[in-house]
Each structure stands twice: as structure tokens, then as C-alpha cells.
Amino acid sequence: MSIFDLVIRPLANRRVTTTYPAETRIPDRGRRGTPILLPDRCRDERECAAACPVSAIQVVDAGAPARRWTIDYGVCIFCAACIDACPSGAMVASDRFELATRHRQDAIAAFDIGASPHD
């Protein structure tokens, strides 16, 4: 490989970056956005939390009969294992792709659900 191939040729090619955020591109339909929980569909089965390979989903008792579910997008690898594991279809992929935040806590989404049908 010559110096031409390493330095000059890339300069001759056209630009491949965008002027984000002035110019945004919506990903194609084959891509998944952030997983979210639909509290009205959730039956508190917790199979989605168990399926998460990085433990990004946590369930905390918020006082009977309520539960607080959190999804940490800073940890989530967007594998969709939680979506596939949810038997009630309460875990779905959103169309949200932009996850930049100024504070770590802003990367955690919280969802409150009511009483479990299994209590």
C-alpha cells in the first residue's frame, strides 16, 4: 500500500458524514429503537427482566401493589431479548434512537405499574 492510497485517495472521496443535528436521518424499518414498557399491558411476569443479558431492566417494589420498572439505556445493548421474552407484549421497540444526555440518570427510564395478577 502506497502513501497515495493512505493519504491522498481518502481526500479525493466525497464526504460521508452529515451536519447533525441540522440534518437527521431516520433509520430504516429493520432497525430497532429503545425498548419501552407499556404499563397498561404489563402483567408483571418479569420474563423480560430475566431475559436481559446485561440486567438493564430492574423491578423494584414501590409499595404494594405498585412496582417500578426501570430500563437503563446506558447499559442496554438493544438486543431485543426483552421484547421477544415478554408474553403479554408489554415490552416493545420504540422509534427513539437519540440517547445522548448530559446526566447519567437521564439515561434511565422508569415505568410504574399497578397490582400484579399473581399476588
PDB file of N, CA and C in Angstrom:
ATOM      1  N   MET A   1       0.849  -1.173   0.000  1.00  0.00           N
ATOM      2  CA  MET A   1       0.000   0.000   0.000  1.00  0.00           C
ATOM      3  C   MET A   1       0.898   1.242   0.000  1.00  0.00           C
ATOM      4  N   SER A   2       0.616   2.144  -0.892  1.00  0.00           N
ATOM      5  CA  SER A   2       1.457   3.344  -1.022  1.00  0.00           C
ATOM      6  C   SER A   2       0.925   4.481  -0.155  1.00  0.00           C
ATOM      7  N   ILE A   3       1.731   5.509  -0.056  1.00  0.00           N
ATOM      8  CA  ILE A   3       1.326   6.700   0.684  1.00  0.00           C
ATOM      9  C   ILE A   3       0.122   7.357   0.017  1.00  0.00           C
ATOM     10  N   PHE A   4       0.034   7.222  -1.296  1.00  0.00           N
ATOM     11  CA  PHE A   4      -1.104   7.748  -2.041  1.00  0.00           C
ATOM     12  C   PHE A   4      -2.393   7.097  -1.574  1.00  0.00           C
ATOM     13  N   ASP A   5      -2.366   5.769  -1.444  1.00  0.00           N
ATOM     14  CA  ASP A   5      -3.565   5.047  -1.009  1.00  0.00           C
ATOM     15  C   ASP A   5      -3.975   5.425   0.418  1.00  0.00           C
ATOM     16  N   LEU A   6      -3.021   5.716   1.267  1.00  0.00           N
ATOM     17  CA  LEU A   6      -3.311   6.024   2.666  1.00  0.00           C
ATOM     18  C   LEU A   6      -3.751   7.464   2.897  1.00  0.00           C
ATOM     19  N   VAL A   7      -3.199   8.397   2.137  1.00  0.00           N
ATOM     20  CA  VAL A   7      -3.447   9.812   2.420  1.00  0.00           C
ATOM     21  C   VAL A   7      -4.274  10.501   1.338  1.00  0.00           C
ATOM     22  N   ILE A   8      -3.857  10.417   0.127  1.00  0.00           N
ATOM     23  CA  ILE A   8      -4.463  11.205  -0.944  1.00  0.00           C
ATOM     24  C   ILE A   8      -5.820  10.656  -1.381  1.00  0.00           C
ATOM     25  N   ARG A   9      -5.929   9.377  -1.576  1.00  0.00           N
ATOM     26  CA  ARG A   9      -7.178   8.799  -2.075  1.00  0.00           C
ATOM     27  C   ARG A   9      -8.369   9.099  -1.153  1.00  0.00           C
ATOM     28  N   PRO A  10      -8.263   8.966   0.172  1.00  0.00           N
ATOM     29  CA  PRO A  10      -9.403   9.319   1.027  1.00  0.00           C
ATOM     30  C   PRO A  10      -9.811  10.785   0.907  1.00  0.00           C
ATOM     31  N   LEU A  11      -8.862  11.679   0.639  1.00  0.00           N
ATOM     32  CA  LEU A  11      -9.183  13.095   0.479  1.00  0.00           C
ATOM     33  C   LEU A  11      -9.972  13.357  -0.807  1.00  0.00           C
ATOM     34  N   ALA A  12      -9.779  12.535  -1.818  1.00  0.00           N
ATOM     35  CA  ALA A  12     -10.464  12.705  -3.086  1.00  0.00           C
ATOM     36  C   ALA A  12     -11.915  12.204  -3.033  1.00  0.00           C
ATOM     37  N   ASN A  13     -12.233  11.344  -2.082  1.00  0.00           N
ATOM     38  CA  ASN A  13     -13.595  10.807  -1.973  1.00  0.00           C
ATOM     39  C   ASN A  13     -14.528  11.846  -1.370  1.00  0.00           C
ATOM     40  N   ARG A  14     -15.795  11.677  -1.660  1.00  0.00           N
ATOM     41  CA  ARG A  14     -16.762  12.634  -1.133  1.00  0.00           C
ATOM     42  C   ARG A  14     -16.997  12.414   0.360  1.00  0.00           C
ATOM     43  N   ARG A  15     -17.560  13.406   0.999  1.00  0.00           N
ATOM     44  CA  ARG A  15     -17.833  13.387   2.428  1.00  0.00           C
ATOM     45  C   ARG A  15     -18.919  12.349   2.741  1.00  0.00           C
ATOM     46  N   VAL A  16     -18.767  11.630   3.842  1.00  0.00           N
ATOM     47  CA  VAL A  16     -19.768  10.631   4.225  1.00  0.00           C
ATOM     48  C   VAL A  16     -20.453  10.965   5.541  1.00  0.00           C
ATOM     49  N   THR A  17     -20.062  12.039   6.178  1.00  0.00           N
ATOM     50  CA  THR A  17     -20.709  12.447   7.420  1.00  0.00           C
ATOM     51  C   THR A  17     -21.828  13.432   7.122  1.00  0.00           C
ATOM     52  N   THR A  18     -22.657  13.702   8.118  1.00  0.00           N
ATOM     53  CA  THR A  18     -23.752  14.646   7.952  1.00  0.00           C
ATOM     54  C   THR A  18     -23.546  15.842   8.869  1.00  0.00           C
ATOM     55  N   THR A  19     -24.387  16.832   8.725  1.00  0.00           N
ATOM     56  CA  THR A  19     -24.324  18.012   9.576  1.00  0.00           C
ATOM     57  C   THR A  19     -25.309  17.871  10.734  1.00  0.00           C
ATOM     58  N   TYR A  20     -25.203  16.782  11.456  1.00  0.00           N
ATOM     59  CA  TYR A  20     -26.080  16.524  12.594  1.00  0.00           C
ATOM     60  C   TYR A  20     -25.897  17.607  13.638  1.00  0.00           C
ATOM     61  N   PRO A  21     -26.911  18.126  14.263  1.00  0.00           N
ATOM     62  CA  PRO A  21     -28.320  17.751  14.233  1.00  0.00           C
ATOM     63  C   PRO A  21     -29.146  18.483  13.192  1.00  0.00           C
ATOM     64  N   ALA A  22     -28.534  19.383  12.417  1.00  0.00           N
ATOM     65  CA  ALA A  22     -29.303  20.097  11.393  1.00  0.00           C
ATOM     66  C   ALA A  22     -29.886  19.131  10.369  1.00  0.00           C
ATOM     67  N   GLU A  23     -29.162  18.079  10.069  1.00  0.00           N
ATOM     68  CA  GLU A  23     -29.624  17.076   9.108  1.00  0.00           C
ATOM     69  C   GLU A  23     -29.695  15.731   9.834  1.00  0.00           C
ATOM     70  N   THR A  24     -30.885  15.222  10.007  1.00  0.00           N
ATOM     71  CA  THR A  24     -31.033  13.933  10.684  1.00  0.00           C
ATOM     72  C   THR A  24     -31.560  12.903   9.704  1.00  0.00           C
ATOM     73  N   ARG A  25     -31.196  11.677   9.945  1.00  0.00           N
ATOM     74  CA  ARG A  25     -31.679  10.571   9.122  1.00  0.00           C
ATOM     75  C   ARG A  25     -32.439   9.606  10.005  1.00  0.00           C
ATOM     76  N   ILE A  26     -33.588   9.204   9.556  1.00  0.00           N
ATOM     77  CA  ILE A  26     -34.371   8.223  10.291  1.00  0.00           C
ATOM     78  C   ILE A  26     -33.914   6.845   9.832  1.00  0.00           C
ATOM     79  N   PRO A  27     -33.547   5.966  10.777  1.00  0.00           N
ATOM     80  CA  PRO A  27     -33.097   4.624  10.388  1.00  0.00           C
ATOM     81  C   PRO A  27     -34.199   3.850   9.665  1.00  0.00           C
ATOM     82  N   ASP A  28     -33.798   2.914   8.852  1.00  0.00           N
ATOM     83  CA  ASP A  28     -34.780   2.112   8.125  1.00  0.00           C
ATOM     84  C   ASP A  28     -35.590   1.234   9.080  1.00  0.00           C
ATOM     85  N   ARG A  29     -36.673   0.686   8.597  1.00  0.00           N
ATOM     86  CA  ARG A  29     -37.594  -0.075   9.432  1.00  0.00           C
ATOM     87  C   ARG A  29     -36.985  -1.341  10.022  1.00  0.00           C
ATOM     88  N   GLY A  30     -35.904  -1.814   9.487  1.00  0.00           N
ATOM     89  CA  GLY A  30     -35.268  -3.011  10.014  1.00  0.00           C
ATOM     90  C   GLY A  30     -34.523  -2.779  11.320  1.00  0.00           C
ATOM     91  N   ARG A  31     -34.366  -1.547  11.720  1.00  0.00           N
ATOM     92  CA  ARG A  31     -33.641  -1.208  12.952  1.00  0.00           C
ATOM     93  C   ARG A  31     -34.617  -1.035  14.095  1.00  0.00           C
ATOM     94  N   ARG A  32     -34.136  -1.294  15.304  1.00  0.00           N
ATOM     95  CA  ARG A  32     -34.964  -1.132  16.498  1.00  0.00           C
ATOM     96  C   ARG A  32     -34.500   0.052  17.307  1.00  0.00           C
ATOM     97  N   GLY A  33     -35.468   0.765  17.881  1.00  0.00           N
ATOM     98  CA  GLY A  33     -35.145   1.842  18.799  1.00  0.00           C
ATOM     99  C   GLY A  33     -35.106   1.296  20.218  1.00  0.00           C
ATOM    100  N   THR A  34     -35.208   2.194  21.169  1.00  0.00           N
ATOM    101  CA  THR A  34     -35.137   1.798  22.569  1.00  0.00           C
ATOM    102  C   THR A  34     -36.330   0.931  22.953  1.00  0.00           C
ATOM    103  N   PRO A  35     -36.102  -0.083  23.789  1.00  0.00           N
ATOM    104  CA  PRO A  35     -37.241  -0.855  24.284  1.00  0.00           C
ATOM    105  C   PRO A  35     -37.969  -0.042  25.350  1.00  0.00           C
ATOM    106  N   ILE A  36     -39.288  -0.083  25.317  1.00  0.00           N
ATOM    107  CA  ILE A  36     -40.084   0.595  26.332  1.00  0.00           C
ATOM    108  C   ILE A  36     -41.140  -0.370  26.856  1.00  0.00           C
ATOM    109  N   LEU A  37     -41.614  -0.092  28.049  1.00  0.00           N
ATOM    110  CA  LEU A  37     -42.643  -0.911  28.681  1.00  0.00           C
ATOM    111  C   LEU A  37     -43.973  -0.189  28.563  1.00  0.00           C
ATOM    112  N   LEU A  38     -45.001  -0.908  28.123  1.00  0.00           N
ATOM    113  CA  LEU A  38     -46.353  -0.364  28.080  1.00  0.00           C
ATOM    114  C   LEU A  38     -47.055  -0.819  29.360  1.00  0.00           C
ATOM    115  N   PRO A  39     -47.148   0.053  30.373  1.00  0.00           N
ATOM    116  CA  PRO A  39     -47.669  -0.352  31.686  1.00  0.00           C
ATOM    117  C   PRO A  39     -49.074  -0.936  31.656  1.00  0.00           C
ATOM    118  N   ASP A  40     -49.926  -0.471  30.738  1.00  0.00           N
ATOM    119  CA  ASP A  40     -51.291  -0.989  30.692  1.00  0.00           C
ATOM    120  C   ASP A  40     -51.361  -2.431  30.186  1.00  0.00           C
ATOM    121  N   ARG A  41     -50.346  -2.905  29.491  1.00  0.00           N
ATOM    122  CA  ARG A  41     -50.302  -4.296  29.013  1.00  0.00           C
ATOM    123  C   ARG A  41     -49.550  -5.229  29.967  1.00  0.00           C
ATOM    124  N   CYS A  42     -48.717  -4.652  30.835  1.00  0.00           N
ATOM    125  CA  CYS A  42     -47.827  -5.459  31.666  1.00  0.00           C
ATOM    126  C   CYS A  42     -48.597  -6.233  32.733  1.00  0.00           C
ATOM    127  N   ARG A  43     -48.298  -7.527  32.825  1.00  0.00           N
ATOM    128  CA  ARG A  43     -48.898  -8.388  33.854  1.00  0.00           C
ATOM    129  C   ARG A  43     -47.876  -8.742  34.931  1.00  0.00           C
ATOM    130  N   ASP A  44     -46.779  -8.020  34.969  1.00  0.00           N
ATOM    131  CA  ASP A  44     -45.741  -8.187  35.994  1.00  0.00           C
ATOM    132  C   ASP A  44     -45.159  -9.599  36.013  1.00  0.00           C
ATOM    133  N   GLU A  45     -44.978 -10.169  34.841  1.00  0.00           N
ATOM    134  CA  GLU A  45     -44.430 -11.526  34.760  1.00  0.00           C
ATOM    135  C   GLU A  45     -42.910 -11.550  34.856  1.00  0.00           C
ATOM    136  N   ARG A  46     -42.276 -10.463  34.560  1.00  0.00           N
ATOM    137  CA  ARG A  46     -40.839 -10.260  34.721  1.00  0.00           C
ATOM    138  C   ARG A  46     -39.954 -11.152  33.846  1.00  0.00           C
ATOM    139  N   GLU A  47     -40.530 -11.777  32.851  1.00  0.00           N
ATOM    140  CA  GLU A  47     -39.725 -12.604  31.950  1.00  0.00           C
ATOM    141  C   GLU A  47     -38.787 -11.747  31.111  1.00  0.00           C
ATOM    142  N   CYS A  48     -39.189 -10.525  30.828  1.00  0.00           N
ATOM    143  CA  CYS A  48     -38.320  -9.631  30.051  1.00  0.00           C
ATOM    144  C   CYS A  48     -37.079  -9.267  30.863  1.00  0.00           C
ATOM    145  N   ALA A  49     -37.257  -9.013  32.149  1.00  0.00           N
ATOM    146  CA  ALA A  49     -36.114  -8.682  33.007  1.00  0.00           C
ATOM    147  C   ALA A  49     -35.165  -9.868  33.121  1.00  0.00           C
ATOM    148  N   ALA A  50     -35.730 -11.068  33.220  1.00  0.00           N
ATOM    149  CA  ALA A  50     -34.904 -12.272  33.317  1.00  0.00           C
ATOM    150  C   ALA A  50     -34.155 -12.548  32.018  1.00  0.00           C
ATOM    151  N   ALA A  51     -34.729 -12.146  30.888  1.00  0.00           N
ATOM    152  CA  ALA A  51     -34.107 -12.414  29.586  1.00  0.00           C
ATOM    153  C   ALA A  51     -33.001 -11.425  29.242  1.00  0.00           C
ATOM    154  N   CYS A  52     -32.946 -10.300  29.926  1.00  0.00           N
ATOM    155  CA  CYS A  52     -31.951  -9.273  29.601  1.00  0.00           C
ATOM    156  C   CYS A  52     -30.550  -9.768  29.936  1.00  0.00           C
ATOM    157  N   PRO A  53     -29.662  -9.875  28.938  1.00  0.00           N
ATOM    158  CA  PRO A  53     -28.323 -10.419  29.193  1.00  0.00           C
ATOM    159  C   PRO A  53     -27.406  -9.497  29.990  1.00  0.00           C
ATOM    160  N   VAL A  54     -27.756  -8.211  30.102  1.00  0.00           N
ATOM    161  CA  VAL A  54     -26.900  -7.260  30.814  1.00  0.00           C
ATOM    162  C   VAL A  54     -27.591  -6.654  32.037  1.00  0.00           C
ATOM    163  N   SER A  55     -28.739  -7.192  32.399  1.00  0.00           N
ATOM    164  CA  SER A  55     -29.521  -6.731  33.565  1.00  0.00           C
ATOM    165  C   SER A  55     -29.840  -5.241  33.503  1.00  0.00           C
ATOM    166  N   ALA A  56     -30.226  -4.770  32.333  1.00  0.00           N
ATOM    167  CA  ALA A  56     -30.603  -3.366  32.173  1.00  0.00           C
ATOM    168  C   ALA A  56     -32.007  -3.088  32.706  1.00  0.00           C
ATOM    169  N   ILE A  57     -32.800  -4.137  32.895  1.00  0.00           N
ATOM    170  CA  ILE A  57     -34.169  -3.977  33.389  1.00  0.00           C
ATOM    171  C   ILE A  57     -34.214  -4.393  34.849  1.00  0.00           C
ATOM    172  N   GLN A  58     -34.708  -3.499  35.676  1.00  0.00           N
ATOM    173  CA  GLN A  58     -34.825  -3.768  37.108  1.00  0.00           C
ATOM    174  C   GLN A  58     -36.274  -3.543  37.535  1.00  0.00           C
ATOM    175  N   VAL A  59     -36.737  -4.359  38.480  1.00  0.00           N
ATOM    176  CA  VAL A  59     -38.080  -4.209  39.029  1.00  0.00           C
ATOM    177  C   VAL A  59     -37.941  -4.021  40.532  1.00  0.00           C
ATOM    178  N   VAL A  60     -38.531  -2.939  41.028  1.00  0.00           N
ATOM    179  CA  VAL A  60     -38.448  -2.627  42.448  1.00  0.00           C
ATOM    180  C   VAL A  60     -39.871  -2.467  42.975  1.00  0.00           C
ATOM    181  N   ASP A  61     -40.161  -3.082  44.122  1.00  0.00           N
ATOM    182  CA  ASP A  61     -41.455  -2.878  44.749  1.00  0.00           C
ATOM    183  C   ASP A  61     -41.527  -1.440  45.233  1.00  0.00           C
ATOM    184  N   ALA A  62     -42.540  -0.722  44.787  1.00  0.00           N
ATOM    185  CA  ALA A  62     -42.696   0.683  45.148  1.00  0.00           C
ATOM    186  C   ALA A  62     -43.789   0.843  46.199  1.00  0.00           C
ATOM    187  N   GLY A  63     -44.061  -0.211  46.912  1.00  0.00           N
ATOM    188  CA  GLY A  63     -45.155  -0.203  47.877  1.00  0.00           C
ATOM    189  C   GLY A  63     -46.344  -0.914  47.282  1.00  0.00           C
ATOM    190  N   ALA A  64     -46.853  -1.897  48.018  1.00  0.00           N
ATOM    191  CA  ALA A  64     -47.924  -2.745  47.492  1.00  0.00           C
ATOM    192  C   ALA A  64     -49.096  -1.900  47.040  1.00  0.00           C
ATOM    193  N   PRO A  65     -49.695  -2.200  45.938  1.00  0.00           N
ATOM    194  CA  PRO A  65     -49.367  -3.240  44.977  1.00  0.00           C
ATOM    195  C   PRO A  65     -48.524  -2.736  43.801  1.00  0.00           C
ATOM    196  N   ALA A  66     -47.970  -1.534  43.883  1.00  0.00           N
ATOM    197  CA  ALA A  66     -47.259  -0.933  42.745  1.00  0.00           C
ATOM    198  C   ALA A  66     -45.838  -1.470  42.600  1.00  0.00           C
ATOM    199  N   ARG A  67     -45.360  -1.463  41.372  1.00  0.00           N
ATOM    200  CA  ARG A  67     -43.994  -1.843  41.051  1.00  0.00           C
ATOM    201  C   ARG A  67     -43.401  -0.749  40.171  1.00  0.00           C
ATOM    202  N   ARG A  68     -42.127  -0.494  40.332  1.00  0.00           N
ATOM    203  CA  ARG A  68     -41.419   0.445  39.464  1.00  0.00           C
ATOM    204  C   ARG A  68     -40.435  -0.351  38.631  1.00  0.00           C
ATOM    205  N   TRP A  69     -40.602  -0.270  37.331  1.00  0.00           N
ATOM    206  CA  TRP A  69     -39.705  -0.904  36.375  1.00  0.00           C
ATOM    207  C   TRP A  69     -38.781   0.170  35.833  1.00  0.00           C
ATOM    208  N   THR A  70     -37.504  -0.139  35.731  1.00  0.00           N
ATOM    209  CA  THR A  70     -36.570   0.798  35.125  1.00  0.00           C
ATOM    210  C   THR A  70     -35.794   0.093  34.022  1.00  0.00           C
ATOM    211  N   ILE A  71     -35.518   0.840  32.982  1.00  0.00           N
ATOM    212  CA  ILE A  71     -34.676   0.361  31.887  1.00  0.00           C
ATOM    213  C   ILE A  71     -33.517   1.338  31.786  1.00  0.00           C
ATOM    214  N   ASP A  72     -32.315   0.821  31.962  1.00  0.00           N
ATOM    215  CA  ASP A  72     -31.115   1.650  31.904  1.00  0.00           C
ATOM    216  C   ASP A  72     -30.550   1.578  30.487  1.00  0.00           C
ATOM    217  N   TYR A  73     -30.788   2.630  29.715  1.00  0.00           N
ATOM    218  CA  TYR A  73     -30.323   2.663  28.328  1.00  0.00           C
ATOM    219  C   TYR A  73     -28.813   2.835  28.222  1.00  0.00           C
ATOM    220  N   GLY A  74     -28.172   3.218  29.298  1.00  0.00           N
ATOM    221  CA  GLY A  74     -26.719   3.283  29.314  1.00  0.00           C
ATOM    222  C   GLY A  74     -26.084   1.903  29.379  1.00  0.00           C
ATOM    223  N   VAL A  75     -26.857   0.917  29.793  1.00  0.00           N
ATOM    224  CA  VAL A  75     -26.390  -0.459  29.904  1.00  0.00           C
ATOM    225  C   VAL A  75     -26.966  -1.323  28.783  1.00  0.00           C
ATOM    226  N   CYS A  76     -28.173  -1.009  28.347  1.00  0.00           N
ATOM    227  CA  CYS A  76     -28.900  -1.796  27.341  1.00  0.00           C
ATOM    228  C   CYS A  76     -28.071  -1.935  26.060  1.00  0.00           C
ATOM    229  N   ILE A  77     -28.064  -3.139  25.493  1.00  0.00           N
ATOM    230  CA  ILE A  77     -27.347  -3.378  24.237  1.00  0.00           C
ATOM    231  C   ILE A  77     -28.310  -3.499  23.053  1.00  0.00           C
ATOM    232  N   PHE A  78     -29.590  -3.232  23.282  1.00  0.00           N
ATOM    233  CA  PHE A  78     -30.611  -3.194  22.238  1.00  0.00           C
ATOM    234  C   PHE A  78     -30.701  -4.503  21.453  1.00  0.00           C
ATOM    235  N   CYS A  79     -30.623  -5.612  22.172  1.00  0.00           N
ATOM    236  CA  CYS A  79     -30.657  -6.928  21.544  1.00  0.00           C
ATOM    237  C   CYS A  79     -32.077  -7.427  21.310  1.00  0.00           C
ATOM    238  N   ALA A  80     -33.059  -6.809  21.948  1.00  0.00           N
ATOM    239  CA  ALA A  80     -34.482  -7.158  21.840  1.00  0.00           C
ATOM    240  C   ALA A  80     -34.835  -8.474  22.516  1.00  0.00           C
ATOM    241  N   ALA A  81     -33.972  -9.013  23.353  1.00  0.00           N
ATOM    242  CA  ALA A  81     -34.301 -10.241  24.079  1.00  0.00           C
ATOM    243  C   ALA A  81     -35.490 -10.001  25.000  1.00  0.00           C
ATOM    244  N   CYS A  82     -35.591  -8.814  25.577  1.00  0.00           N
ATOM    245  CA  CYS A  82     -36.719  -8.496  26.456  1.00  0.00           C
ATOM    246  C   CYS A  82     -38.027  -8.454  25.678  1.00  0.00           C
ATOM    247  N   ILE A  83     -37.991  -7.926  24.478  1.00  0.00           N
ATOM    248  CA  ILE A  83     -39.187  -7.839  23.641  1.00  0.00           C
ATOM    249  C   ILE A  83     -39.657  -9.232  23.251  1.00  0.00           C
ATOM    250  N   ASP A  84     -38.718 -10.089  22.868  1.00  0.00           N
ATOM    251  CA  ASP A  84     -39.058 -11.460  22.482  1.00  0.00           C
ATOM    252  C   ASP A  84     -39.570 -12.277  23.661  1.00  0.00           C
ATOM    253  N   ALA A  85     -39.080 -11.993  24.872  1.00  0.00           N
ATOM    254  CA  ALA A  85     -39.441 -12.802  26.044  1.00  0.00           C
ATOM    255  C   ALA A  85     -40.755 -12.390  26.689  1.00  0.00           C
ATOM    256  N   CYS A  86     -41.228 -11.198  26.436  1.00  0.00           N
ATOM    257  CA  CYS A  86     -42.434 -10.695  27.113  1.00  0.00           C
ATOM    258  C   CYS A  86     -43.681 -11.395  26.588  1.00  0.00           C
ATOM    259  N   PRO A  87     -44.340 -12.218  27.418  1.00  0.00           N
ATOM    260  CA  PRO A  87     -45.508 -12.971  26.938  1.00  0.00           C
ATOM    261  C   PRO A  87     -46.747 -12.100  26.727  1.00  0.00           C
ATOM    262  N   SER A  88     -46.813 -10.948  27.377  1.00  0.00           N
ATOM    263  CA  SER A  88     -48.003 -10.102  27.243  1.00  0.00           C
ATOM    264  C   SER A  88     -47.842  -9.019  26.180  1.00  0.00           C
ATOM    265  N   GLY A  89     -46.679  -8.931  25.565  1.00  0.00           N
ATOM    266  CA  GLY A  89     -46.438  -7.918  24.540  1.00  0.00           C
ATOM    267  C   GLY A  89     -46.318  -6.520  25.105  1.00  0.00           C
ATOM    268  N   ALA A  90     -45.973  -6.417  26.388  1.00  0.00           N
ATOM    269  CA  ALA A  90     -45.855  -5.108  27.030  1.00  0.00           C
ATOM    270  C   ALA A  90     -44.520  -4.438  26.745  1.00  0.00           C
ATOM    271  N   MET A  91     -43.533  -5.192  26.373  1.00  0.00           N
ATOM    272  CA  MET A  91     -42.217  -4.627  26.046  1.00  0.00           C
ATOM    273  C   MET A  91     -42.155  -4.517  24.519  1.00  0.00           C
ATOM    274  N   VAL A  92     -41.983  -3.295  24.033  1.00  0.00           N
ATOM    275  CA  VAL A  92     -41.975  -3.046  22.588  1.00  0.00           C
ATOM    276  C   VAL A  92     -40.793  -2.160  22.225  1.00  0.00           C
ATOM    277  N   ALA A  93     -40.438  -2.163  20.958  1.00  0.00           N
ATOM    278  CA  ALA A  93     -39.369  -1.286  20.467  1.00  0.00           C
ATOM    279  C   ALA A  93     -39.989   0.048  20.068  1.00  0.00           C
ATOM    280  N   SER A  94     -39.385   1.120  20.533  1.00  0.00           N
ATOM    281  CA  SER A  94     -39.872   2.453  20.175  1.00  0.00           C
ATOM    282  C   SER A  94     -39.155   2.922  18.915  1.00  0.00           C
ATOM    283  N   ASP A  95     -39.473   4.135  18.493  1.00  0.00           N
ATOM    284  CA  ASP A  95     -38.772   4.722  17.350  1.00  0.00           C
ATOM    285  C   ASP A  95     -37.734   5.736  17.818  1.00  0.00           C
ATOM    286  N   ARG A  96     -37.353   5.655  19.081  1.00  0.00           N
ATOM    287  CA  ARG A  96     -36.382   6.584  19.668  1.00  0.00           C
ATOM    288  C   ARG A  96     -34.959   6.044  19.491  1.00  0.00           C
ATOM    289  N   PHE A  97     -34.096   6.832  18.867  1.00  0.00           N
ATOM    290  CA  PHE A  97     -32.721   6.423  18.616  1.00  0.00           C
ATOM    291  C   PHE A  97     -31.699   7.355  19.235  1.00  0.00           C
ATOM    292  N   GLU A  98     -32.084   8.576  19.489  1.00  0.00           N
ATOM    293  CA  GLU A  98     -31.138   9.552  20.022  1.00  0.00           C
ATOM    294  C   GLU A  98     -31.128   9.457  21.542  1.00  0.00           C
ATOM    295  N   LEU A  99     -30.026   9.014  22.102  1.00  0.00           N
ATOM    296  CA  LEU A  99     -29.960   8.746  23.532  1.00  0.00           C
ATOM    297  C   LEU A  99     -28.950   9.607  24.274  1.00  0.00           C
ATOM    298  N   ALA A 100     -28.401  10.597  23.645  1.00  0.00           N
ATOM    299  CA  ALA A 100     -27.403  11.434  24.301  1.00  0.00           C
ATOM    300  C   ALA A 100     -28.047  12.226  25.442  1.00  0.00           C
ATOM    301  N   THR A 101     -27.375  12.244  26.586  1.00  0.00           N
ATOM    302  CA  THR A 101     -27.858  13.007  27.739  1.00  0.00           C
ATOM    303  C   THR A 101     -26.670  13.710  28.396  1.00  0.00           C
ATOM    304  N   ARG A 102     -26.958  14.696  29.191  1.00  0.00           N
ATOM    305  CA  ARG A 102     -25.909  15.385  29.938  1.00  0.00           C
ATOM    306  C   ARG A 102     -25.682  14.737  31.296  1.00  0.00           C
ATOM    307  N   HIS A 103     -26.698  14.035  31.796  1.00  0.00           N
ATOM    308  CA  HIS A 103     -26.620  13.421  33.120  1.00  0.00           C
ATOM    309  C   HIS A 103     -26.919  11.933  33.020  1.00  0.00           C
ATOM    310  N   ARG A 104     -26.143  11.146  33.719  1.00  0.00           N
ATOM    311  CA  ARG A 104     -26.276   9.687  33.681  1.00  0.00           C
ATOM    312  C   ARG A 104     -27.693   9.242  34.043  1.00  0.00           C
ATOM    313  N   GLN A 105     -28.300   9.878  35.011  1.00  0.00           N
ATOM    314  CA  GLN A 105     -29.643   9.498  35.466  1.00  0.00           C
ATOM    315  C   GLN A 105     -30.689   9.670  34.364  1.00  0.00           C
ATOM    316  N   ASP A 106     -30.437  10.559  33.411  1.00  0.00           N
ATOM    317  CA  ASP A 106     -31.386  10.783  32.320  1.00  0.00           C
ATOM    318  C   ASP A 106     -31.430   9.622  31.326  1.00  0.00           C
ATOM    319  N   ALA A 107     -30.506   8.695  31.428  1.00  0.00           N
ATOM    320  CA  ALA A 107     -30.488   7.522  30.552  1.00  0.00           C
ATOM    321  C   ALA A 107     -31.294   6.363  31.133  1.00  0.00           C
ATOM    322  N   ILE A 108     -31.981   6.608  32.238  1.00  0.00           N
ATOM    323  CA  ILE A 108     -32.784   5.568  32.882  1.00  0.00           C
ATOM    324  C   ILE A 108     -34.248   5.948  32.783  1.00  0.00           C
ATOM    325  N   ALA A 109     -35.048   5.072  32.166  1.00  0.00           N
ATOM    326  CA  ALA A 109     -36.487   5.306  32.038  1.00  0.00           C
ATOM    327  C   ALA A 109     -37.210   4.514  33.118  1.00  0.00           C
ATOM    328  N   ALA A 110     -38.199   5.130  33.741  1.00  0.00           N
ATOM    329  CA  ALA A 110     -38.955   4.476  34.808  1.00  0.00           C
ATOM    330  C   ALA A 110     -40.408   4.325  34.383  1.00  0.00           C
ATOM    331  N   PHE A 111     -40.983   3.179  34.699  1.00  0.00           N
ATOM    332  CA  PHE A 111     -42.374   2.879  34.392  1.00  0.00           C
ATOM    333  C   PHE A 111     -43.026   2.314  35.641  1.00  0.00           C
ATOM    334  N   ASP A 112     -44.178   2.844  36.042  1.00  0.00           N
ATOM    335  CA  ASP A 112     -44.896   2.331  37.216  1.00  0.00           C
ATOM    336  C   ASP A 112     -46.077   1.521  36.743  1.00  0.00           C
ATOM    337  N   ILE A 113     -46.246   0.351  37.345  1.00  0.00           N
ATOM    338  CA  ILE A 113     -47.403  -0.475  37.035  1.00  0.00           C
ATOM    339  C   ILE A 113     -48.124  -0.794  38.333  1.00  0.00           C
ATOM    340  N   GLY A 114     -49.388  -1.195  38.208  1.00  0.00           N
ATOM    341  CA  GLY A 114     -50.219  -1.473  39.382  1.00  0.00           C
ATOM    342  C   GLY A 114     -50.020  -2.873  39.919  1.00  0.00           C
ATOM    343  N   ALA A 115     -51.063  -3.415  40.491  1.00  0.00           N
ATOM    344  CA  ALA A 115     -51.012  -4.713  41.164  1.00  0.00           C
ATOM    345  C   ALA A 115     -50.733  -5.836  40.166  1.00  0.00           C
ATOM    346  N   SER A 116     -49.991  -6.797  40.633  1.00  0.00           N
ATOM    347  CA  SER A 116     -49.694  -7.982  39.825  1.00  0.00           C
ATOM    348  C   SER A 116     -50.864  -8.943  39.873  1.00  0.00           C
ATOM    349  N   PRO A 117     -51.224  -9.563  38.760  1.00  0.00           N
ATOM    350  CA  PRO A 117     -52.305 -10.541  38.787  1.00  0.00           C
ATOM    351  C   PRO A 117     -51.896 -11.813  39.527  1.00  0.00           C
ATOM    352  N   HIS A 118     -50.596 -11.933  39.832  1.00  0.00           N
ATOM    353  CA  HIS A 118     -50.119 -13.137  40.507  1.00  0.00           C
ATOM    354  C   HIS A 118     -50.072 -12.980  42.020  1.00  0.00           C
ATOM    355  N   ASP A 119     -50.388 -11.768  42.565  1.00  0.00           N
ATOM    356  CA  ASP A 119     -50.341 -11.534  44.016  1.00  0.00           C
ATOM    357  C   ASP A 119     -51.512 -12.216  44.692  1.00  0.00           C
TER     358      ASP A 119
END
